Amino acid sequence: MNAEDIDEWLDSWIEDNYERFEDPNQAVSLCLKDASATGIAEADVVEAAGGDLAAHLIAESMAIAEARED
C-alpha cells in the first residue's frame, strides 16, 4: 500500500469506528490491531496520522460527531 492508500484506509477506519472510542488508548489499540490485520505497519499508520495517532483519532472522531449533529 502506498501512503495515499493508507490515508484512505485510516479515514475510512475512523468513520466506521469512531463511536467505539471510549478512550484514546483503546482507540489507538483497536486501530493498530485492524491495521496490522490488513497488512499496514504501525509506523505507516502513525505517519498517516501526522505523528500522533491518539490525537488524530480523537480530533477526527469529534469532527465526525459534530458533522452528524448538524
Protein backbone atom coordinates (compact mmCIF):
# COMPACT_ATOMS: atom_id res chain seq x y z
CA MET A 1 0.00 0.00 0.00
CA ASN A 2 1.19 3.48 -0.73
CA ALA A 3 0.78 6.50 1.54
CA GLU A 4 -2.45 7.61 -0.14
CA ASP A 5 -3.99 4.16 0.32
CA ILE A 6 -3.06 4.19 3.99
CA ASP A 7 -4.55 7.67 4.43
CA GLU A 8 -7.78 6.47 2.85
CA TRP A 9 -7.80 3.31 4.99
CA LEU A 10 -7.31 5.38 8.15
CA ASP A 11 -10.07 7.84 7.23
CA SER A 12 -12.44 5.00 6.49
CA TRP A 13 -11.50 3.16 9.67
CA ILE A 14 -12.15 6.24 11.78
CA GLU A 15 -15.54 6.81 10.18
CA ASP A 16 -16.53 3.18 10.73
CA ASN A 17 -15.30 3.00 14.33
CA TYR A 18 -15.38 6.46 15.90
CA GLU A 19 -18.41 5.70 18.07
CA ARG A 20 -16.40 2.97 19.83
CA PHE A 21 -13.67 5.37 21.01
CA GLU A 22 -14.10 5.33 24.78
CA ASP A 23 -10.57 6.47 25.49
CA PRO A 24 -7.59 7.39 23.29
CA ASN A 25 -5.51 4.36 24.29
CA GLN A 26 -8.30 1.97 23.39
CA ALA A 27 -8.84 3.72 20.04
CA VAL A 28 -5.14 3.51 19.20
CA SER A 29 -5.02 -0.16 20.15
CA LEU A 30 -8.07 -1.02 18.02
CA CYS A 31 -6.75 0.94 15.06
CA LEU A 32 -3.30 -0.63 15.16
CA LYS A 33 -4.77 -4.12 15.54
CA ASP A 34 -7.00 -3.65 12.50
CA ALA A 35 -4.18 -2.05 10.51
CA SER A 36 -1.91 -4.97 11.27
CA ALA A 37 -4.60 -7.43 10.19
CA THR A 38 -4.80 -5.53 6.91
CA GLY A 39 -1.04 -5.62 6.44
CA ILE A 40 -0.35 -1.99 7.33
CA ALA A 41 2.65 -1.32 9.56
CA GLU A 42 2.23 0.66 12.77
CA ALA A 43 4.77 3.25 11.62
CA ASP A 44 2.76 3.85 8.44
CA VAL A 45 -0.47 4.41 10.37
CA VAL A 46 1.24 6.83 12.76
CA GLU A 47 2.75 8.69 9.81
CA ALA A 48 -0.66 8.92 8.13
CA ALA A 49 -1.99 10.41 11.36
CA GLY A 50 0.65 13.12 11.38
CA GLY A 51 2.77 11.55 14.09
CA ASP A 52 0.26 11.38 16.94
CA LEU A 53 -2.31 8.67 16.30
CA ALA A 54 -4.29 9.22 19.51
CA ALA A 55 -4.70 12.95 18.89
CA HIS A 56 -5.64 12.33 15.26
CA LEU A 57 -8.25 9.72 16.13
CA ILE A 58 -9.86 11.93 18.75
CA ALA A 59 -9.85 15.05 16.56
CA GLU A 60 -11.33 13.20 13.60
CA SER A 61 -13.96 11.43 15.69
CA MET A 62 -15.04 14.74 17.20
CA ALA A 63 -15.31 16.29 13.74
CA ILE A 64 -17.45 13.40 12.50
CA ALA A 65 -19.71 13.58 15.56
CA GLU A 66 -20.16 17.34 15.12
CA ALA A 67 -20.94 16.97 11.41
CA ARG A 68 -23.56 14.34 12.14
CA GLU A 69 -25.21 16.57 14.75
CA ASP A 70 -25.85 19.29 12.16
